[in-house]
Amino acid sequence: MRISDTQFSKTMLQSLDHNNAGLGKVMQEMATGDRLTKLSDDPMATIKLLNLDREGSAITQYKTNIANVKTTLSSQEVYLDSVNESLKHMRELVLWGSNGTMNEDDRQGIVTELYSLRDAMASSFNAQDEEGHYLFSGTKSNEPPLVIQNGKYVVQGNNDKRVVTVAKGVTMESNMTAQDVLDLNGTSDVFNMVDGLIAEFQNPSPNFRPKVEQALHSVDGTMNNVLAAITEMGGRHNNLDLMDSAHADNKLFVDKITSDISALDYGEASVRLNNFMAALQATQASYVKIDDLSLFDRL
């Protein structure tokens, strides 16, 4: 069968295109280290990689959420630790001031310290994050949880929790509220109790002893609530650490599987590179030699 010049040229060009395309693909794979450059390279493997990528992204988001929750809880824990220390010192002052042996200077010194401790606690409960959101106001983070209305301390905000997803199907409350600490077991009036006690120290009345007992009861109740909140946050921290560690292990596993599926075998790629280069060179050489042939060369 006679092969025309047109057929010959077409065949040679197809061979050159095929080898050039193969060479380019191998070089791209070797440059990126990824054997899958498009979906058609391995559809099943590509689908697996897409699923693994989604899982990896979810794990990354979970770890970010965990870090944010831990930051919020840690900030709140610092402020509650400060409140607890203020309450302990306040209790010591009340006990010392109730022994009946104080002089005027002693009472004034206690009053000054009680004012300072009360204000420090109020400041802790009204603490804000770097974005200006109140930490202890529940979901009403735009308003301070502790305010003075008509000369009395009032707890506002709400007791709602900000719930964050920290694993598939697992959520975690990311905050404690002022109502958790100040609105339980009848202890929401601790600030007003302290104000009443300060007034008694400044001007003792026949109700001095009952006022002291009421204040101590309120201080003790609030201390119990603060310690319970700190303990609760510690438990959340431990759970978050465990989940974060599990996510890290899962991320390593996902990354390994992804690498096993997509990573290029450079040894095999080098063989294909050499084969395509050899085929390309042979095709080019054959095309030049055959194209130069002429019937006049045989006459």
C-alpha atoms as a PDB file:
ATOM      1  CA  MET A   1       0.000   0.000   0.000  1.00  0.00           C
ATOM      2  CA  ARG A   2       1.403   3.379  -0.998  1.00  0.00           C
ATOM      3  CA  ILE A   3       1.594   5.987   1.765  1.00  0.00           C
ATOM      4  CA  SER A   4       1.147   9.533   0.532  1.00  0.00           C
ATOM      5  CA  ASP A   5       3.292  12.416   1.698  1.00  0.00           C
ATOM      6  CA  THR A   6       0.256  13.900   3.383  1.00  0.00           C
ATOM      7  CA  GLN A   7      -0.432  10.712   5.369  1.00  0.00           C
ATOM      8  CA  PHE A   8       3.220  10.462   6.312  1.00  0.00           C
ATOM      9  CA  SER A   9       3.375  14.048   7.530  1.00  0.00           C
ATOM     10  CA  LYS A  10       0.148  13.612   9.493  1.00  0.00           C
ATOM     11  CA  THR A  11       1.457  10.451  11.150  1.00  0.00           C
ATOM     12  CA  MET A  12       4.745  12.090  12.067  1.00  0.00           C
ATOM     13  CA  LEU A  13       3.007  15.173  13.483  1.00  0.00           C
ATOM     14  CA  GLN A  14       0.650  13.019  15.564  1.00  0.00           C
ATOM     15  CA  SER A  15       3.630  11.159  16.954  1.00  0.00           C
ATOM     16  CA  LEU A  16       5.434  14.397  17.740  1.00  0.00           C
ATOM     17  CA  ASP A  17       2.325  15.853  19.425  1.00  0.00           C
ATOM     18  CA  HIS A  18       1.804  12.692  21.475  1.00  0.00           C
ATOM     19  CA  ASN A  19       5.398  12.587  22.695  1.00  0.00           C
ATOM     20  CA  ASN A  20       5.527  16.330  23.343  1.00  0.00           C
ATOM     21  CA  ALA A  21       2.306  16.123  25.366  1.00  0.00           C
ATOM     22  CA  GLY A  22       3.607  13.171  27.365  1.00  0.00           C
ATOM     23  CA  LEU A  23       6.929  14.890  27.956  1.00  0.00           C
ATOM     24  CA  GLY A  24       5.181  18.080  29.104  1.00  0.00           C
ATOM     25  CA  LYS A  25       2.928  16.151  31.477  1.00  0.00           C
ATOM     26  CA  VAL A  26       5.825  14.291  33.061  1.00  0.00           C
ATOM     27  CA  MET A  27       7.799  17.519  33.469  1.00  0.00           C
ATOM     28  CA  GLN A  28       4.774  19.182  35.116  1.00  0.00           C
ATOM     29  CA  GLU A  29       4.380  16.235  37.470  1.00  0.00           C
ATOM     30  CA  MET A  30       8.055  16.356  38.415  1.00  0.00           C
ATOM     31  CA  ALA A  31       7.874  20.126  38.946  1.00  0.00           C
ATOM     32  CA  THR A  32       4.854  19.882  41.295  1.00  0.00           C
ATOM     33  CA  GLY A  33       5.550  16.487  42.849  1.00  0.00           C
ATOM     34  CA  ASP A  34       1.915  15.571  42.140  1.00  0.00           C
ATOM     35  CA  ARG A  35       1.046  12.758  39.794  1.00  0.00           C
ATOM     36  CA  LEU A  36      -2.531  13.989  39.323  1.00  0.00           C
ATOM     37  CA  THR A  37      -2.649  17.133  37.215  1.00  0.00           C
ATOM     38  CA  LYS A  38      -6.269  16.805  36.083  1.00  0.00           C
ATOM     39  CA  LEU A  39      -9.365  14.767  36.944  1.00  0.00           C
ATOM     40  CA  SER A  40      -8.994  12.412  33.992  1.00  0.00           C
ATOM     41  CA  ASP A  41      -5.571  11.246  35.198  1.00  0.00           C
ATOM     42  CA  ASP A  42      -7.257   9.065  37.828  1.00  0.00           C
ATOM     43  CA  PRO A  43     -10.925   9.901  38.492  1.00  0.00           C
ATOM     44  CA  MET A  44     -11.311   7.576  41.492  1.00  0.00           C
ATOM     45  CA  ALA A  45      -8.134   8.848  43.130  1.00  0.00           C
ATOM     46  CA  THR A  46      -9.175  12.451  42.482  1.00  0.00           C
ATOM     47  CA  ILE A  47     -12.530  11.891  44.188  1.00  0.00           C
ATOM     48  CA  LYS A  48     -10.722  10.368  47.177  1.00  0.00           C
ATOM     49  CA  LEU A  49      -8.429  13.398  47.299  1.00  0.00           C
ATOM     50  CA  LEU A  50     -11.391  15.784  47.227  1.00  0.00           C
ATOM     51  CA  ASN A  51     -12.954  13.937  50.164  1.00  0.00           C
ATOM     52  CA  LEU A  52      -9.647  13.955  52.029  1.00  0.00           C
ATOM     53  CA  ASP A  53      -9.253  17.667  51.358  1.00  0.00           C
ATOM     54  CA  ARG A  54     -12.701  18.365  52.818  1.00  0.00           C
ATOM     55  CA  GLU A  55     -11.866  16.274  55.857  1.00  0.00           C
ATOM     56  CA  GLY A  56      -8.549  18.046  56.287  1.00  0.00           C
ATOM     57  CA  SER A  57     -10.236  21.452  56.025  1.00  0.00           C
ATOM     58  CA  ALA A  58     -12.816  20.419  58.628  1.00  0.00           C
ATOM     59  CA  ILE A  59     -10.084  19.249  60.998  1.00  0.00           C
ATOM     60  CA  THR A  60      -8.242  22.544  60.550  1.00  0.00           C
ATOM     61  CA  GLN A  61     -11.434  24.453  61.353  1.00  0.00           C
ATOM     62  CA  TYR A  62     -12.066  22.300  64.424  1.00  0.00           C
ATOM     63  CA  LYS A  63      -8.545  23.016  65.670  1.00  0.00           C
ATOM     64  CA  THR A  64      -9.075  26.742  65.100  1.00  0.00           C
ATOM     65  CA  ASN A  65     -12.371  26.611  66.993  1.00  0.00           C
ATOM     66  CA  ILE A  66     -10.705  24.743  69.854  1.00  0.00           C
ATOM     67  CA  ALA A  67      -7.938  27.340  70.055  1.00  0.00           C
ATOM     68  CA  ASN A  68     -10.503  30.162  70.156  1.00  0.00           C
ATOM     69  CA  VAL A  69     -12.563  28.463  72.873  1.00  0.00           C
ATOM     70  CA  LYS A  70      -9.458  27.810  74.955  1.00  0.00           C
ATOM     71  CA  THR A  71      -8.423  31.457  74.605  1.00  0.00           C
ATOM     72  CA  THR A  72     -11.827  32.671  75.785  1.00  0.00           C
ATOM     73  CA  LEU A  73     -11.964  30.231  78.687  1.00  0.00           C
ATOM     74  CA  SER A  74      -8.401  31.091  79.719  1.00  0.00           C
ATOM     75  CA  SER A  75      -9.240  34.804  79.746  1.00  0.00           C
ATOM     76  CA  GLN A  76     -12.318  34.197  81.852  1.00  0.00           C
ATOM     77  CA  GLU A  77     -10.384  31.938  84.192  1.00  0.00           C
ATOM     78  CA  VAL A  78      -7.823  34.677  84.817  1.00  0.00           C
ATOM     79  CA  TYR A  79     -10.558  37.130  85.788  1.00  0.00           C
ATOM     80  CA  LEU A  80     -12.355  34.599  87.973  1.00  0.00           C
ATOM     81  CA  ASP A  81      -9.099  33.777  89.739  1.00  0.00           C
ATOM     82  CA  SER A  82      -8.789  37.483  90.489  1.00  0.00           C
ATOM     83  CA  VAL A  83     -12.369  37.563  91.795  1.00  0.00           C
ATOM     84  CA  ASN A  84     -11.672  34.569  94.011  1.00  0.00           C
ATOM     85  CA  GLU A  85      -8.607  36.236  95.508  1.00  0.00           C
ATOM     86  CA  SER A  86     -10.603  39.415  96.126  1.00  0.00           C
ATOM     87  CA  LEU A  87     -13.352  37.436  97.852  1.00  0.00           C
ATOM     88  CA  LYS A  88     -10.851  35.623 100.083  1.00  0.00           C
ATOM     89  CA  HIS A  89      -9.238  38.897 101.116  1.00  0.00           C
ATOM     90  CA  MET A  90     -12.663  40.456 101.604  1.00  0.00           C
ATOM     91  CA  ARG A  91     -13.671  37.592 103.896  1.00  0.00           C
ATOM     92  CA  GLU A  92     -10.522  38.037 105.994  1.00  0.00           C
ATOM     93  CA  LEU A  93     -11.220  41.764 106.355  1.00  0.00           C
ATOM     94  CA  VAL A  94     -14.838  41.157 107.380  1.00  0.00           C
ATOM     95  CA  LEU A  95     -13.808  38.630 110.006  1.00  0.00           C
ATOM     96  CA  TRP A  96     -11.127  40.948 111.338  1.00  0.00           C
ATOM     97  CA  GLY A  97     -13.471  43.919 111.316  1.00  0.00           C
ATOM     98  CA  SER A  98     -16.197  42.076 113.205  1.00  0.00           C
ATOM     99  CA  ASN A  99     -14.170  41.300 116.315  1.00  0.00           C
ATOM    100  CA  GLY A 100     -15.241  44.526 118.045  1.00  0.00           C
ATOM    101  CA  THR A 101     -11.712  45.770 118.855  1.00  0.00           C
ATOM    102  CA  MET A 102     -11.292  48.197 115.941  1.00  0.00           C
ATOM    103  CA  ASN A 103     -10.628  51.861 116.361  1.00  0.00           C
ATOM    104  CA  GLU A 104     -11.659  54.545 113.884  1.00  0.00           C
ATOM    105  CA  ASP A 105      -8.478  54.249 111.835  1.00  0.00           C
ATOM    106  CA  ASP A 106      -8.852  50.479 111.606  1.00  0.00           C
ATOM    107  CA  ARG A 107     -12.414  50.764 110.375  1.00  0.00           C
ATOM    108  CA  GLN A 108     -11.480  53.374 107.808  1.00  0.00           C
ATOM    109  CA  GLY A 109      -8.656  51.180 106.563  1.00  0.00           C
ATOM    110  CA  ILE A 110     -11.052  48.239 106.150  1.00  0.00           C
ATOM    111  CA  VAL A 111     -13.570  50.445 104.369  1.00  0.00           C
ATOM    112  CA  THR A 112     -10.928  51.634 101.911  1.00  0.00           C
ATOM    113  CA  GLU A 113      -9.831  48.062 101.151  1.00  0.00           C
ATOM    114  CA  LEU A 114     -13.408  46.817 100.782  1.00  0.00           C
ATOM    115  CA  TYR A 115     -14.126  49.576  98.270  1.00  0.00           C
ATOM    116  CA  SER A 116     -11.005  48.610  96.333  1.00  0.00           C
ATOM    117  CA  LEU A 117     -11.842  44.881  96.352  1.00  0.00           C
ATOM    118  CA  ARG A 118     -15.441  45.519  95.330  1.00  0.00           C
ATOM    119  CA  ASP A 119     -14.362  47.694  92.419  1.00  0.00           C
ATOM    120  CA  ALA A 120     -11.743  45.135  91.353  1.00  0.00           C
ATOM    121  CA  MET A 121     -14.399  42.385  91.260  1.00  0.00           C
ATOM    122  CA  ALA A 122     -16.792  44.591  89.309  1.00  0.00           C
ATOM    123  CA  SER A 123     -14.022  45.349  86.821  1.00  0.00           C
ATOM    124  CA  SER A 124     -13.298  41.632  86.407  1.00  0.00           C
ATOM    125  CA  PHE A 125     -16.928  40.790  85.660  1.00  0.00           C
ATOM    126  CA  ASN A 126     -17.105  43.673  83.181  1.00  0.00           C
ATOM    127  CA  ALA A 127     -13.921  42.611  81.399  1.00  0.00           C
ATOM    128  CA  GLN A 128     -13.882  42.880  77.605  1.00  0.00           C
ATOM    129  CA  ASP A 129     -11.943  41.084  74.898  1.00  0.00           C
ATOM    130  CA  GLU A 130      -9.752  42.821  72.308  1.00  0.00           C
ATOM    131  CA  GLU A 131     -12.818  43.479  70.148  1.00  0.00           C
ATOM    132  CA  GLY A 132     -14.708  45.190  72.970  1.00  0.00           C
ATOM    133  CA  HIS A 133     -17.112  42.313  73.688  1.00  0.00           C
ATOM    134  CA  TYR A 134     -17.988  41.700  77.322  1.00  0.00           C
ATOM    135  CA  LEU A 135     -16.745  38.269  78.374  1.00  0.00           C
ATOM    136  CA  PHE A 136     -19.376  37.494  81.012  1.00  0.00           C
ATOM    137  CA  SER A 137     -22.555  38.844  79.356  1.00  0.00           C
ATOM    138  CA  GLY A 138     -23.571  35.618  77.634  1.00  0.00           C
ATOM    139  CA  THR A 139     -24.740  36.256  74.081  1.00  0.00           C
ATOM    140  CA  LYS A 140     -25.495  39.910  74.887  1.00  0.00           C
ATOM    141  CA  SER A 141     -21.822  40.710  74.665  1.00  0.00           C
ATOM    142  CA  ASN A 142     -22.443  44.333  73.718  1.00  0.00           C
ATOM    143  CA  GLU A 143     -23.653  45.262  77.216  1.00  0.00           C
ATOM    144  CA  PRO A 144     -21.798  45.078  80.545  1.00  0.00           C
ATOM    145  CA  PRO A 145     -23.013  42.268  82.801  1.00  0.00           C
ATOM    146  CA  LEU A 146     -22.750  44.329  85.975  1.00  0.00           C
ATOM    147  CA  VAL A 147     -24.235  47.825  86.241  1.00  0.00           C
ATOM    148  CA  ILE A 148     -25.466  50.192  88.930  1.00  0.00           C
ATOM    149  CA  GLN A 149     -29.128  51.173  88.776  1.00  0.00           C
ATOM    150  CA  ASN A 150     -30.723  53.387  91.397  1.00  0.00           C
ATOM    151  CA  GLY A 151     -27.668  52.964  93.592  1.00  0.00           C
ATOM    152  CA  LYS A 152     -27.805  49.149  93.448  1.00  0.00           C
ATOM    153  CA  TYR A 153     -25.715  46.634  91.546  1.00  0.00           C
ATOM    154  CA  VAL A 154     -27.731  44.744  88.935  1.00  0.00           C
ATOM    155  CA  VAL A 155     -26.698  41.693  86.916  1.00  0.00           C
ATOM    156  CA  GLN A 156     -27.759  41.974  83.289  1.00  0.00           C
ATOM    157  CA  GLY A 157     -26.827  40.326  79.988  1.00  0.00           C
ATOM    158  CA  ASN A 158     -28.118  36.763  79.825  1.00  0.00           C
ATOM    159  CA  ASN A 159     -27.139  33.238  80.761  1.00  0.00           C
ATOM    160  CA  ASP A 160     -26.981  31.956  77.165  1.00  0.00           C
ATOM    161  CA  LYS A 161     -23.843  30.162  76.056  1.00  0.00           C
ATOM    162  CA  ARG A 162     -21.893  30.606  72.848  1.00  0.00           C
ATOM    163  CA  VAL A 163     -21.754  27.073  71.455  1.00  0.00           C
ATOM    164  CA  VAL A 164     -18.859  26.152  69.159  1.00  0.00           C
ATOM    165  CA  THR A 165     -18.387  22.995  67.083  1.00  0.00           C
ATOM    166  CA  VAL A 166     -15.095  21.374  68.078  1.00  0.00           C
ATOM    167  CA  ALA A 167     -15.484  17.992  66.337  1.00  0.00           C
ATOM    168  CA  LYS A 168     -17.965  16.260  64.063  1.00  0.00           C
ATOM    169  CA  GLY A 169     -21.218  16.236  66.007  1.00  0.00           C
ATOM    170  CA  VAL A 170     -19.519  17.653  69.130  1.00  0.00           C
ATOM    171  CA  THR A 171     -20.053  21.159  70.494  1.00  0.00           C
ATOM    172  CA  MET A 172     -18.571  22.984  73.455  1.00  0.00           C
ATOM    173  CA  GLU A 173     -19.821  25.960  75.460  1.00  0.00           C
ATOM    174  CA  SER A 174     -17.157  28.610  75.026  1.00  0.00           C
ATOM    175  CA  ASN A 175     -18.053  30.915  77.900  1.00  0.00           C
ATOM    176  CA  MET A 176     -19.221  31.319  81.461  1.00  0.00           C
ATOM    177  CA  THR A 177     -21.556  34.153  82.409  1.00  0.00           C
ATOM    178  CA  ALA A 178     -21.859  36.550  85.301  1.00  0.00           C
ATOM    179  CA  GLN A 179     -25.220  34.961  86.036  1.00  0.00           C
ATOM    180  CA  ASP A 180     -23.481  31.586  86.414  1.00  0.00           C
ATOM    181  CA  VAL A 181     -21.445  33.054  89.243  1.00  0.00           C
ATOM    182  CA  LEU A 182     -23.557  35.846  90.699  1.00  0.00           C
ATOM    183  CA  ASP A 183     -27.090  34.597  90.180  1.00  0.00           C
ATOM    184  CA  LEU A 184     -26.989  31.202  91.882  1.00  0.00           C
ATOM    185  CA  ASN A 185     -28.010  30.151  95.374  1.00  0.00           C
ATOM    186  CA  GLY A 186     -29.163  33.638  96.283  1.00  0.00           C
ATOM    187  CA  THR A 187     -25.676  35.143  95.928  1.00  0.00           C
ATOM    188  CA  SER A 188     -26.471  37.708  93.228  1.00  0.00           C
ATOM    189  CA  ASP A 189     -26.551  40.417  95.890  1.00  0.00           C
ATOM    190  CA  VAL A 190     -22.932  40.054  96.993  1.00  0.00           C
ATOM    191  CA  PHE A 191     -21.968  43.529  95.750  1.00  0.00           C
ATOM    192  CA  ASN A 192     -24.910  45.160  97.478  1.00  0.00           C
ATOM    193  CA  MET A 193     -24.208  43.139 100.637  1.00  0.00           C
ATOM    194  CA  VAL A 194     -20.657  44.477 100.623  1.00  0.00           C
ATOM    195  CA  ASP A 195     -21.934  48.027 100.171  1.00  0.00           C
ATOM    196  CA  GLY A 196     -24.234  47.536 103.133  1.00  0.00           C
ATOM    197  CA  LEU A 197     -21.361  46.186 105.203  1.00  0.00           C
ATOM    198  CA  ILE A 198     -19.182  49.137 104.247  1.00  0.00           C
ATOM    199  CA  ALA A 199     -21.916  51.446 105.544  1.00  0.00           C
ATOM    200  CA  GLU A 200     -21.974  49.496 108.798  1.00  0.00           C
ATOM    201  CA  PHE A 201     -18.219  49.830 109.224  1.00  0.00           C
ATOM    202  CA  GLN A 202     -18.489  53.536 108.596  1.00  0.00           C
ATOM    203  CA  ASN A 203     -21.403  53.969 111.001  1.00  0.00           C
ATOM    204  CA  PRO A 204     -22.130  50.839 113.074  1.00  0.00           C
ATOM    205  CA  SER A 205     -25.799  50.168 113.884  1.00  0.00           C
ATOM    206  CA  PRO A 206     -27.534  47.641 116.178  1.00  0.00           C
ATOM    207  CA  ASN A 207     -27.773  45.397 113.086  1.00  0.00           C
ATOM    208  CA  PHE A 208     -24.003  45.302 112.691  1.00  0.00           C
ATOM    209  CA  ARG A 209     -23.651  41.599 113.573  1.00  0.00           C
ATOM    210  CA  PRO A 210     -26.506  40.372 111.328  1.00  0.00           C
ATOM    211  CA  LYS A 211     -25.103  42.492 108.502  1.00  0.00           C
ATOM    212  CA  VAL A 212     -21.708  40.866 108.951  1.00  0.00           C
ATOM    213  CA  GLU A 213     -23.232  37.387 108.930  1.00  0.00           C
ATOM    214  CA  GLN A 214     -25.245  38.139 105.795  1.00  0.00           C
ATOM    215  CA  ALA A 215     -22.198  39.527 104.035  1.00  0.00           C
ATOM    216  CA  LEU A 216     -20.084  36.505 104.977  1.00  0.00           C
ATOM    217  CA  HIS A 217     -22.811  34.159 103.740  1.00  0.00           C
ATOM    218  CA  SER A 218     -22.965  36.018 100.433  1.00  0.00           C
ATOM    219  CA  VAL A 219     -19.185  36.093 100.061  1.00  0.00           C
ATOM    220  CA  ASP A 220     -18.911  32.362 100.799  1.00  0.00           C
ATOM    221  CA  GLY A 221     -21.685  31.507  98.349  1.00  0.00           C
ATOM    222  CA  THR A 222     -20.071  33.576  95.609  1.00  0.00           C
ATOM    223  CA  MET A 223     -16.684  31.991  96.298  1.00  0.00           C
ATOM    224  CA  ASN A 224     -18.254  28.539  95.890  1.00  0.00           C
ATOM    225  CA  ASN A 225     -19.774  29.597  92.582  1.00  0.00           C
ATOM    226  CA  VAL A 226     -16.485  31.038  91.367  1.00  0.00           C
ATOM    227  CA  LEU A 227     -14.583  27.874  92.263  1.00  0.00           C
ATOM    228  CA  ALA A 228     -17.272  25.729  90.610  1.00  0.00           C
ATOM    229  CA  ALA A 229     -16.975  27.818  87.438  1.00  0.00           C
ATOM    230  CA  ILE A 230     -13.181  27.526  87.450  1.00  0.00           C
ATOM    231  CA  THR A 231     -13.457  23.759  87.932  1.00  0.00           C
ATOM    232  CA  GLU A 232     -15.944  23.542  85.060  1.00  0.00           C
ATOM    233  CA  MET A 233     -13.610  25.498  82.790  1.00  0.00           C
ATOM    234  CA  GLY A 234     -10.731  23.239  83.781  1.00  0.00           C
ATOM    235  CA  GLY A 235     -12.765  20.221  82.711  1.00  0.00           C
ATOM    236  CA  ARG A 236     -13.535  21.861  79.389  1.00  0.00           C
ATOM    237  CA  HIS A 237      -9.851  22.634  78.898  1.00  0.00           C
ATOM    238  CA  ASN A 238      -8.960  18.988  79.453  1.00  0.00           C
ATOM    239  CA  ASN A 239     -11.593  17.809  76.978  1.00  0.00           C
ATOM    240  CA  LEU A 240     -10.435  20.358  74.425  1.00  0.00           C
ATOM    241  CA  ASP A 241      -6.815  19.234  74.816  1.00  0.00           C
ATOM    242  CA  LEU A 242      -7.835  15.625  74.194  1.00  0.00           C
ATOM    243  CA  MET A 243      -9.853  16.553  71.110  1.00  0.00           C
ATOM    244  CA  ASP A 244      -7.083  18.782  69.799  1.00  0.00           C
ATOM    245  CA  SER A 245      -4.600  15.918  70.142  1.00  0.00           C
ATOM    246  CA  ALA A 246      -7.006  13.567  68.354  1.00  0.00           C
ATOM    247  CA  HIS A 247      -7.463  16.089  65.551  1.00  0.00           C
ATOM    248  CA  ALA A 248      -3.695  16.416  65.182  1.00  0.00           C
ATOM    249  CA  ASP A 249      -3.359  12.632  64.832  1.00  0.00           C
ATOM    250  CA  ASN A 250      -6.205  12.531  62.312  1.00  0.00           C
ATOM    251  CA  LYS A 251      -4.628  15.360  60.328  1.00  0.00           C
ATOM    252  CA  LEU A 252      -1.359  13.444  60.115  1.00  0.00           C
ATOM    253  CA  PHE A 253      -3.264  10.387  58.902  1.00  0.00           C
ATOM    254  CA  VAL A 254      -5.172  12.413  56.287  1.00  0.00           C
ATOM    255  CA  ASP A 255      -1.958  14.046  55.086  1.00  0.00           C
ATOM    256  CA  LYS A 256      -0.251  10.658  54.775  1.00  0.00           C
ATOM    257  CA  ILE A 257      -3.111   9.119  52.807  1.00  0.00           C
ATOM    258  CA  THR A 258      -3.230  12.197  50.589  1.00  0.00           C
ATOM    259  CA  SER A 259       0.486  11.924  49.952  1.00  0.00           C
ATOM    260  CA  ASP A 260       0.231   8.205  49.226  1.00  0.00           C
ATOM    261  CA  ILE A 261      -2.482   8.843  46.630  1.00  0.00           C
ATOM    262  CA  SER A 262      -1.162  11.983  44.982  1.00  0.00           C
ATOM    263  CA  ALA A 263       2.589  11.978  45.487  1.00  0.00           C
ATOM    264  CA  LEU A 264       4.687  11.329  42.402  1.00  0.00           C
ATOM    265  CA  ASP A 265       7.012   8.340  42.165  1.00  0.00           C
ATOM    266  CA  TYR A 266      10.051  10.170  40.858  1.00  0.00           C
ATOM    267  CA  GLY A 267      11.772   6.941  39.811  1.00  0.00           C
ATOM    268  CA  GLU A 268       8.870   5.869  37.621  1.00  0.00           C
ATOM    269  CA  ALA A 269       8.462   9.441  36.329  1.00  0.00           C
ATOM    270  CA  SER A 270      12.149   9.545  35.338  1.00  0.00           C
ATOM    271  CA  VAL A 271      11.701   6.372  33.305  1.00  0.00           C
ATOM    272  CA  ARG A 272       8.692   7.869  31.499  1.00  0.00           C
ATOM    273  CA  LEU A 273      10.593  11.112  30.945  1.00  0.00           C
ATOM    274  CA  ASN A 274      13.482   9.271  29.303  1.00  0.00           C
ATOM    275  CA  ASN A 275      11.103   7.176  27.194  1.00  0.00           C
ATOM    276  CA  PHE A 276       9.240  10.196  25.892  1.00  0.00           C
ATOM    277  CA  MET A 277      12.478  12.040  25.175  1.00  0.00           C
ATOM    278  CA  ALA A 278      13.891   9.032  23.323  1.00  0.00           C
ATOM    279  CA  ALA A 279      10.662   8.580  21.354  1.00  0.00           C
ATOM    280  CA  LEU A 280      10.564  12.270  20.535  1.00  0.00           C
ATOM    281  CA  GLN A 281      14.161  12.299  19.355  1.00  0.00           C
ATOM    282  CA  ALA A 282      13.604   9.144  17.275  1.00  0.00           C
ATOM    283  CA  THR A 283      10.475  10.560  15.677  1.00  0.00           C
ATOM    284  CA  GLN A 284      12.221  13.811  14.851  1.00  0.00           C
ATOM    285  CA  ALA A 285      15.201  11.995  13.368  1.00  0.00           C
ATOM    286  CA  SER A 286      12.985   9.647  11.336  1.00  0.00           C
ATOM    287  CA  TYR A 287      10.908  12.509  10.029  1.00  0.00           C
ATOM    288  CA  VAL A 288      13.991  14.400   8.842  1.00  0.00           C
ATOM    289  CA  LYS A 289      15.524  11.385   7.106  1.00  0.00           C
ATOM    290  CA  ILE A 290      12.353  10.210   5.387  1.00  0.00           C
ATOM    291  CA  ASP A 291      11.352  13.729   4.392  1.00  0.00           C
ATOM    292  CA  ASP A 292      14.733  14.185   2.667  1.00  0.00           C
ATOM    293  CA  LEU A 293      14.274  11.086   0.491  1.00  0.00           C
ATOM    294  CA  SER A 294      13.642  11.716  -3.239  1.00  0.00           C
ATOM    295  CA  LEU A 295      13.171   9.456  -6.261  1.00  0.00           C
ATOM    296  CA  PHE A 296      15.986  11.287  -7.984  1.00  0.00           C
ATOM    297  CA  ASP A 297      18.339   9.937  -5.308  1.00  0.00           C
ATOM    298  CA  ARG A 298      17.778   6.441  -6.737  1.00  0.00           C
ATOM    299  CA  LEU A 299      18.212   7.322 -10.456  1.00  0.00           C
END
